[in-house]
Amino acid sequence: MNTETFEAFNHGQLRLPDKTIFFEEIEWSKHPVFEGVELKHILTAKDTNGEYSYHLVRIAPNKSILDHIHETQLETHEVIAGEGTCINDGCELVYEPGVISIMPKAVHHAVNAGKDGLYLFAKFFPALC
């Protein structure tokens, strides 16, 4: 698997008119529920007045974000590296670099990483955290 693109984002930047956020300065946080899932919280509710949040996500090989819903948030995924599947509202979608998926609020979804892991951006509207 080519993780070059993921590493570019892992050490990337979010450039805003009033500041630059350096991703390498943000620590990886273990997901509170799903083993093998880690996040870098690029923008959180406190940064956006609760309007949206933006997260870099890495899922270890053969690990999963099990079936769940977000009652009030629309969620998007942008796959950066690796491969796997997403169950989105009962449909299985192949996840590979370049794929974008959208889960409207209150829709069941799950993500399963393949043998090399899965790397993606997740965005939530309104903010998840």
N, C-alpha and C. Protein backbone atom coordinates (compact mmCIF):
# COMPACT_ATOMS: atom_id res chain seq x y z
N MET A 1 0.84 -1.19 0.00
CA MET A 1 0.00 0.00 0.00
C MET A 1 0.88 1.24 0.00
N ASN A 2 0.49 2.23 -0.75
CA ASN A 2 1.20 3.50 -0.80
C ASN A 2 0.57 4.44 0.21
N THR A 3 1.31 4.76 1.28
CA THR A 3 0.79 5.67 2.30
C THR A 3 1.38 7.07 2.16
N GLU A 4 2.03 7.34 1.03
CA GLU A 4 2.68 8.63 0.83
C GLU A 4 1.69 9.80 0.97
N THR A 5 0.51 9.66 0.40
CA THR A 5 -0.49 10.73 0.49
C THR A 5 -0.95 10.91 1.92
N PHE A 6 -1.19 9.78 2.62
CA PHE A 6 -1.58 9.89 4.02
C PHE A 6 -0.49 10.61 4.83
N GLU A 7 0.76 10.24 4.65
CA GLU A 7 1.84 10.87 5.40
C GLU A 7 1.93 12.36 5.09
N ALA A 8 1.64 12.74 3.85
CA ALA A 8 1.63 14.17 3.51
C ALA A 8 0.58 14.90 4.34
N PHE A 9 -0.60 14.27 4.53
CA PHE A 9 -1.62 14.89 5.37
C PHE A 9 -1.27 14.78 6.85
N ASN A 10 -0.69 13.68 7.28
CA ASN A 10 -0.30 13.50 8.68
C ASN A 10 0.64 14.61 9.12
N HIS A 11 1.43 15.12 8.18
CA HIS A 11 2.37 16.21 8.46
C HIS A 11 1.93 17.49 7.75
N GLY A 12 0.67 17.55 7.35
CA GLY A 12 0.16 18.67 6.57
C GLY A 12 -0.24 19.87 7.41
N GLN A 13 -0.97 20.75 6.77
CA GLN A 13 -1.39 22.00 7.40
C GLN A 13 -2.78 22.38 6.93
N LEU A 14 -3.50 23.04 7.83
CA LEU A 14 -4.74 23.71 7.46
C LEU A 14 -4.41 25.20 7.50
N ARG A 15 -4.51 25.84 6.38
CA ARG A 15 -4.17 27.27 6.30
C ARG A 15 -5.45 28.09 6.25
N LEU A 16 -5.57 28.97 7.23
CA LEU A 16 -6.72 29.87 7.35
C LEU A 16 -6.21 31.30 7.28
N PRO A 17 -7.09 32.27 7.00
CA PRO A 17 -6.62 33.65 6.91
C PRO A 17 -5.92 34.14 8.18
N ASP A 18 -6.36 33.65 9.34
CA ASP A 18 -5.81 34.17 10.59
C ASP A 18 -4.85 33.23 11.32
N LYS A 19 -4.66 31.99 10.79
CA LYS A 19 -3.74 31.06 11.45
C LYS A 19 -3.48 29.86 10.56
N THR A 20 -2.45 29.13 10.91
CA THR A 20 -2.12 27.87 10.26
C THR A 20 -2.10 26.80 11.34
N ILE A 21 -2.77 25.68 11.08
CA ILE A 21 -2.78 24.55 12.00
C ILE A 21 -1.87 23.47 11.42
N PHE A 22 -0.83 23.12 12.17
CA PHE A 22 0.13 22.11 11.74
C PHE A 22 -0.31 20.75 12.27
N PHE A 23 -0.64 19.83 11.38
CA PHE A 23 -1.18 18.54 11.79
C PHE A 23 -0.21 17.75 12.65
N GLU A 24 1.10 17.87 12.40
CA GLU A 24 2.05 17.10 13.19
C GLU A 24 2.09 17.55 14.65
N GLU A 25 1.53 18.72 14.95
CA GLU A 25 1.46 19.19 16.34
C GLU A 25 0.23 18.67 17.08
N ILE A 26 -0.66 17.99 16.35
CA ILE A 26 -1.87 17.43 16.96
C ILE A 26 -1.62 15.97 17.26
N GLU A 27 -1.84 15.59 18.50
CA GLU A 27 -1.62 14.20 18.89
C GLU A 27 -2.76 13.31 18.39
N TRP A 28 -2.43 12.06 18.11
CA TRP A 28 -3.44 11.07 17.78
C TRP A 28 -4.20 10.73 19.05
N SER A 29 -5.53 10.67 18.96
CA SER A 29 -6.40 10.29 20.08
C SER A 29 -7.02 8.94 19.77
N LYS A 30 -7.00 8.05 20.73
CA LYS A 30 -7.67 6.76 20.54
C LYS A 30 -9.17 6.98 20.56
N HIS A 31 -9.87 6.32 19.67
CA HIS A 31 -11.33 6.40 19.66
C HIS A 31 -11.83 5.85 20.99
N PRO A 32 -12.80 6.50 21.61
CA PRO A 32 -13.24 6.05 22.93
C PRO A 32 -13.97 4.71 22.94
N VAL A 33 -14.41 4.23 21.78
CA VAL A 33 -15.20 2.99 21.73
C VAL A 33 -14.53 1.92 20.86
N PHE A 34 -14.01 2.30 19.70
CA PHE A 34 -13.57 1.32 18.71
C PHE A 34 -12.06 1.10 18.75
N GLU A 35 -11.65 -0.12 19.07
CA GLU A 35 -10.24 -0.49 19.16
C GLU A 35 -9.58 -0.39 17.78
N GLY A 36 -8.37 0.16 17.76
CA GLY A 36 -7.62 0.25 16.52
C GLY A 36 -7.97 1.47 15.68
N VAL A 37 -8.77 2.37 16.23
CA VAL A 37 -9.17 3.59 15.51
C VAL A 37 -8.59 4.79 16.25
N GLU A 38 -7.89 5.65 15.51
CA GLU A 38 -7.30 6.85 16.08
C GLU A 38 -7.67 8.06 15.23
N LEU A 39 -7.73 9.22 15.89
CA LEU A 39 -8.13 10.45 15.21
C LEU A 39 -7.21 11.60 15.58
N LYS A 40 -7.01 12.49 14.61
CA LYS A 40 -6.44 13.80 14.87
C LYS A 40 -7.58 14.77 14.68
N HIS A 41 -7.92 15.50 15.73
CA HIS A 41 -9.02 16.45 15.66
C HIS A 41 -8.48 17.78 15.11
N ILE A 42 -8.63 17.96 13.80
CA ILE A 42 -8.08 19.14 13.12
C ILE A 42 -8.85 20.40 13.51
N LEU A 43 -10.16 20.34 13.41
CA LEU A 43 -11.04 21.43 13.87
C LEU A 43 -12.15 20.80 14.70
N THR A 44 -12.46 21.42 15.83
CA THR A 44 -13.51 20.91 16.70
C THR A 44 -14.61 21.96 16.86
N ALA A 45 -15.64 21.59 17.58
CA ALA A 45 -16.78 22.49 17.79
C ALA A 45 -16.34 23.84 18.34
N LYS A 46 -15.36 23.82 19.23
CA LYS A 46 -14.91 25.10 19.82
C LYS A 46 -14.26 26.01 18.79
N ASP A 47 -13.71 25.43 17.73
CA ASP A 47 -13.08 26.22 16.67
C ASP A 47 -14.08 26.78 15.67
N THR A 48 -15.26 26.15 15.57
CA THR A 48 -16.22 26.49 14.51
C THR A 48 -17.59 26.91 15.04
N ASN A 49 -17.65 27.25 16.32
CA ASN A 49 -18.93 27.58 16.95
C ASN A 49 -19.95 26.46 16.78
N GLY A 50 -19.44 25.22 16.76
CA GLY A 50 -20.32 24.06 16.67
C GLY A 50 -20.83 23.74 15.28
N GLU A 51 -20.44 24.51 14.28
CA GLU A 51 -20.98 24.31 12.93
C GLU A 51 -20.48 23.04 12.26
N TYR A 52 -19.20 22.70 12.44
CA TYR A 52 -18.64 21.51 11.81
C TYR A 52 -17.39 21.09 12.55
N SER A 53 -16.95 19.86 12.31
CA SER A 53 -15.66 19.39 12.82
C SER A 53 -14.97 18.59 11.71
N TYR A 54 -13.64 18.50 11.81
CA TYR A 54 -12.81 17.95 10.75
C TYR A 54 -11.76 17.07 11.40
N HIS A 55 -11.65 15.81 10.96
CA HIS A 55 -10.80 14.84 11.64
C HIS A 55 -10.02 13.99 10.63
N LEU A 56 -8.75 13.76 10.93
CA LEU A 56 -7.94 12.79 10.19
C LEU A 56 -8.07 11.48 10.96
N VAL A 57 -8.41 10.41 10.25
CA VAL A 57 -8.72 9.12 10.89
C VAL A 57 -7.82 8.04 10.32
N ARG A 58 -7.29 7.20 11.22
CA ARG A 58 -6.58 6.00 10.77
C ARG A 58 -7.17 4.80 11.49
N ILE A 59 -7.44 3.79 10.70
CA ILE A 59 -8.02 2.55 11.21
C ILE A 59 -6.99 1.45 10.95
N ALA A 60 -6.59 0.77 12.01
CA ALA A 60 -5.57 -0.27 11.91
C ALA A 60 -6.05 -1.41 11.01
N PRO A 61 -5.10 -2.16 10.46
CA PRO A 61 -5.48 -3.28 9.59
C PRO A 61 -6.51 -4.21 10.23
N ASN A 62 -7.53 -4.52 9.44
CA ASN A 62 -8.59 -5.45 9.84
C ASN A 62 -9.39 -5.02 11.06
N LYS A 63 -9.37 -3.73 11.39
CA LYS A 63 -10.17 -3.20 12.50
C LYS A 63 -11.39 -2.48 11.92
N SER A 64 -12.35 -2.17 12.78
CA SER A 64 -13.62 -1.61 12.30
C SER A 64 -14.16 -0.53 13.21
N ILE A 65 -14.90 0.36 12.59
CA ILE A 65 -15.81 1.25 13.30
C ILE A 65 -17.17 0.57 13.12
N LEU A 66 -17.65 -0.04 14.18
CA LEU A 66 -18.86 -0.85 14.07
C LEU A 66 -20.10 0.00 13.82
N ASP A 67 -21.18 -0.68 13.46
CA ASP A 67 -22.45 -0.02 13.12
C ASP A 67 -22.86 0.98 14.19
N HIS A 68 -23.17 2.19 13.76
CA HIS A 68 -23.62 3.26 14.66
C HIS A 68 -24.33 4.33 13.83
N ILE A 69 -24.93 5.28 14.50
CA ILE A 69 -25.56 6.42 13.84
C ILE A 69 -25.19 7.69 14.58
N HIS A 70 -25.29 8.80 13.89
CA HIS A 70 -25.18 10.12 14.50
C HIS A 70 -26.55 10.76 14.30
N GLU A 71 -27.27 10.91 15.37
CA GLU A 71 -28.66 11.41 15.29
C GLU A 71 -28.76 12.80 14.68
N THR A 72 -27.75 13.65 14.92
CA THR A 72 -27.88 15.05 14.49
C THR A 72 -26.83 15.50 13.49
N GLN A 73 -25.85 14.63 13.14
CA GLN A 73 -24.78 15.05 12.24
C GLN A 73 -24.82 14.33 10.90
N LEU A 74 -24.62 15.09 9.83
CA LEU A 74 -24.26 14.53 8.54
C LEU A 74 -22.76 14.28 8.62
N GLU A 75 -22.30 13.13 8.10
CA GLU A 75 -20.88 12.78 8.14
C GLU A 75 -20.39 12.51 6.72
N THR A 76 -19.18 12.96 6.42
CA THR A 76 -18.56 12.64 5.14
C THR A 76 -17.24 11.93 5.39
N HIS A 77 -16.86 11.07 4.47
CA HIS A 77 -15.55 10.41 4.47
C HIS A 77 -14.87 10.69 3.14
N GLU A 78 -13.58 10.99 3.20
CA GLU A 78 -12.75 11.15 2.02
C GLU A 78 -11.56 10.21 2.20
N VAL A 79 -11.51 9.13 1.44
CA VAL A 79 -10.49 8.11 1.61
C VAL A 79 -9.17 8.61 1.03
N ILE A 80 -8.11 8.52 1.85
CA ILE A 80 -6.78 9.00 1.47
C ILE A 80 -5.87 7.85 1.06
N ALA A 81 -5.88 6.77 1.84
CA ALA A 81 -4.99 5.63 1.58
C ALA A 81 -5.60 4.37 2.17
N GLY A 82 -5.10 3.23 1.74
CA GLY A 82 -5.60 1.96 2.22
C GLY A 82 -6.86 1.56 1.48
N GLU A 83 -7.49 0.54 2.03
CA GLU A 83 -8.75 0.08 1.42
C GLU A 83 -9.60 -0.58 2.49
N GLY A 84 -10.85 -0.74 2.16
CA GLY A 84 -11.79 -1.36 3.07
C GLY A 84 -13.19 -1.23 2.51
N THR A 85 -14.15 -1.29 3.41
CA THR A 85 -15.55 -1.14 3.02
C THR A 85 -16.27 -0.25 4.00
N CYS A 86 -17.35 0.32 3.53
CA CYS A 86 -18.26 1.09 4.38
C CYS A 86 -19.65 0.54 4.15
N ILE A 87 -20.35 0.25 5.20
CA ILE A 87 -21.77 -0.08 5.10
C ILE A 87 -22.52 1.22 5.38
N ASN A 88 -23.14 1.76 4.35
CA ASN A 88 -23.81 3.06 4.43
C ASN A 88 -25.29 2.82 4.14
N ASP A 89 -26.12 2.93 5.17
CA ASP A 89 -27.56 2.73 5.03
C ASP A 89 -27.88 1.38 4.40
N GLY A 90 -27.13 0.34 4.84
CA GLY A 90 -27.38 -1.02 4.36
C GLY A 90 -26.67 -1.41 3.08
N CYS A 91 -26.00 -0.47 2.41
CA CYS A 91 -25.29 -0.76 1.16
C CYS A 91 -23.79 -0.84 1.43
N GLU A 92 -23.15 -1.89 0.89
CA GLU A 92 -21.70 -2.01 1.04
C GLU A 92 -20.99 -1.25 -0.06
N LEU A 93 -20.13 -0.32 0.35
CA LEU A 93 -19.36 0.51 -0.58
C LEU A 93 -17.89 0.17 -0.43
N VAL A 94 -17.18 0.03 -1.55
CA VAL A 94 -15.74 -0.20 -1.51
C VAL A 94 -15.06 1.13 -1.20
N TYR A 95 -14.15 1.09 -0.23
CA TYR A 95 -13.36 2.27 0.11
C TYR A 95 -11.94 2.07 -0.43
N GLU A 96 -11.49 3.03 -1.24
CA GLU A 96 -10.14 3.06 -1.78
C GLU A 96 -9.81 4.53 -2.01
N PRO A 97 -8.53 4.86 -2.17
CA PRO A 97 -8.17 6.27 -2.33
C PRO A 97 -8.99 6.96 -3.42
N GLY A 98 -9.45 8.16 -3.07
CA GLY A 98 -10.24 8.95 -4.01
C GLY A 98 -11.74 8.84 -3.82
N VAL A 99 -12.19 7.91 -2.97
CA VAL A 99 -13.63 7.72 -2.75
C VAL A 99 -14.12 8.69 -1.68
N ILE A 100 -15.27 9.27 -1.93
CA ILE A 100 -15.97 10.11 -0.95
C ILE A 100 -17.33 9.48 -0.69
N SER A 101 -17.72 9.43 0.57
CA SER A 101 -19.03 8.90 0.94
C SER A 101 -19.71 9.86 1.90
N ILE A 102 -21.03 9.92 1.83
CA ILE A 102 -21.81 10.82 2.69
C ILE A 102 -22.84 10.00 3.44
N MET A 103 -22.89 10.19 4.76
CA MET A 103 -23.90 9.55 5.60
C MET A 103 -24.80 10.65 6.18
N PRO A 104 -26.02 10.77 5.71
CA PRO A 104 -26.93 11.77 6.29
C PRO A 104 -27.16 11.46 7.77
N LYS A 105 -27.66 12.45 8.49
CA LYS A 105 -27.92 12.23 9.92
C LYS A 105 -28.91 11.08 10.10
N ALA A 106 -28.72 10.37 11.20
CA ALA A 106 -29.59 9.26 11.61
C ALA A 106 -29.56 8.07 10.65
N VAL A 107 -28.46 7.89 9.91
CA VAL A 107 -28.29 6.75 9.00
C VAL A 107 -27.24 5.81 9.59
N HIS A 108 -27.57 4.53 9.68
CA HIS A 108 -26.62 3.54 10.17
C HIS A 108 -25.44 3.43 9.22
N HIS A 109 -24.24 3.32 9.80
CA HIS A 109 -23.05 3.12 8.98
C HIS A 109 -21.95 2.44 9.81
N ALA A 110 -21.03 1.79 9.10
CA ALA A 110 -19.89 1.11 9.69
C ALA A 110 -18.75 1.18 8.69
N VAL A 111 -17.50 1.10 9.18
CA VAL A 111 -16.34 1.13 8.31
C VAL A 111 -15.41 -0.01 8.71
N ASN A 112 -14.95 -0.77 7.73
CA ASN A 112 -14.06 -1.91 7.96
C ASN A 112 -12.79 -1.71 7.16
N ALA A 113 -11.65 -1.69 7.87
CA ALA A 113 -10.37 -1.54 7.19
C ALA A 113 -9.90 -2.87 6.63
N GLY A 114 -9.20 -2.82 5.51
CA GLY A 114 -8.62 -4.01 4.91
C GLY A 114 -7.31 -4.39 5.57
N LYS A 115 -6.56 -5.26 4.92
CA LYS A 115 -5.34 -5.83 5.50
C LYS A 115 -4.22 -4.81 5.71
N ASP A 116 -4.28 -3.67 5.03
CA ASP A 116 -3.26 -2.64 5.17
C ASP A 116 -3.73 -1.43 5.96
N GLY A 117 -4.93 -1.47 6.49
CA GLY A 117 -5.48 -0.33 7.21
C GLY A 117 -6.21 0.61 6.27
N LEU A 118 -6.77 1.67 6.86
CA LEU A 118 -7.57 2.63 6.11
C LEU A 118 -7.34 4.01 6.70
N TYR A 119 -7.17 4.99 5.82
CA TYR A 119 -6.88 6.36 6.24
C TYR A 119 -7.86 7.29 5.54
N LEU A 120 -8.52 8.15 6.31
CA LEU A 120 -9.51 9.03 5.70
C LEU A 120 -9.68 10.31 6.49
N PHE A 121 -10.31 11.28 5.84
CA PHE A 121 -10.80 12.47 6.53
C PHE A 121 -12.27 12.25 6.81
N ALA A 122 -12.70 12.59 8.02
CA ALA A 122 -14.11 12.57 8.38
C ALA A 122 -14.51 13.99 8.77
N LYS A 123 -15.66 14.42 8.26
CA LYS A 123 -16.18 15.74 8.57
C LYS A 123 -17.60 15.58 9.08
N PHE A 124 -17.98 16.38 10.04
CA PHE A 124 -19.30 16.32 10.65
C PHE A 124 -19.95 17.69 10.64
N PHE A 125 -21.23 17.71 10.26
CA PHE A 125 -22.03 18.94 10.19
C PHE A 125 -23.35 18.69 10.89
N PRO A 126 -23.66 19.31 12.03
CA PRO A 126 -22.79 20.16 12.85
C PRO A 126 -21.68 19.33 13.50
N ALA A 127 -20.84 20.01 14.25
CA ALA A 127 -19.64 19.39 14.81
C ALA A 127 -19.98 18.18 15.68
N LEU A 128 -19.10 17.18 15.61
CA LEU A 128 -19.23 16.00 16.47
C LEU A 128 -18.66 16.30 17.85
N CYS A 129 -17.49 16.93 17.88
CA CYS A 129 -16.88 17.25 19.17
C CYS A 129 -16.18 18.60 19.09
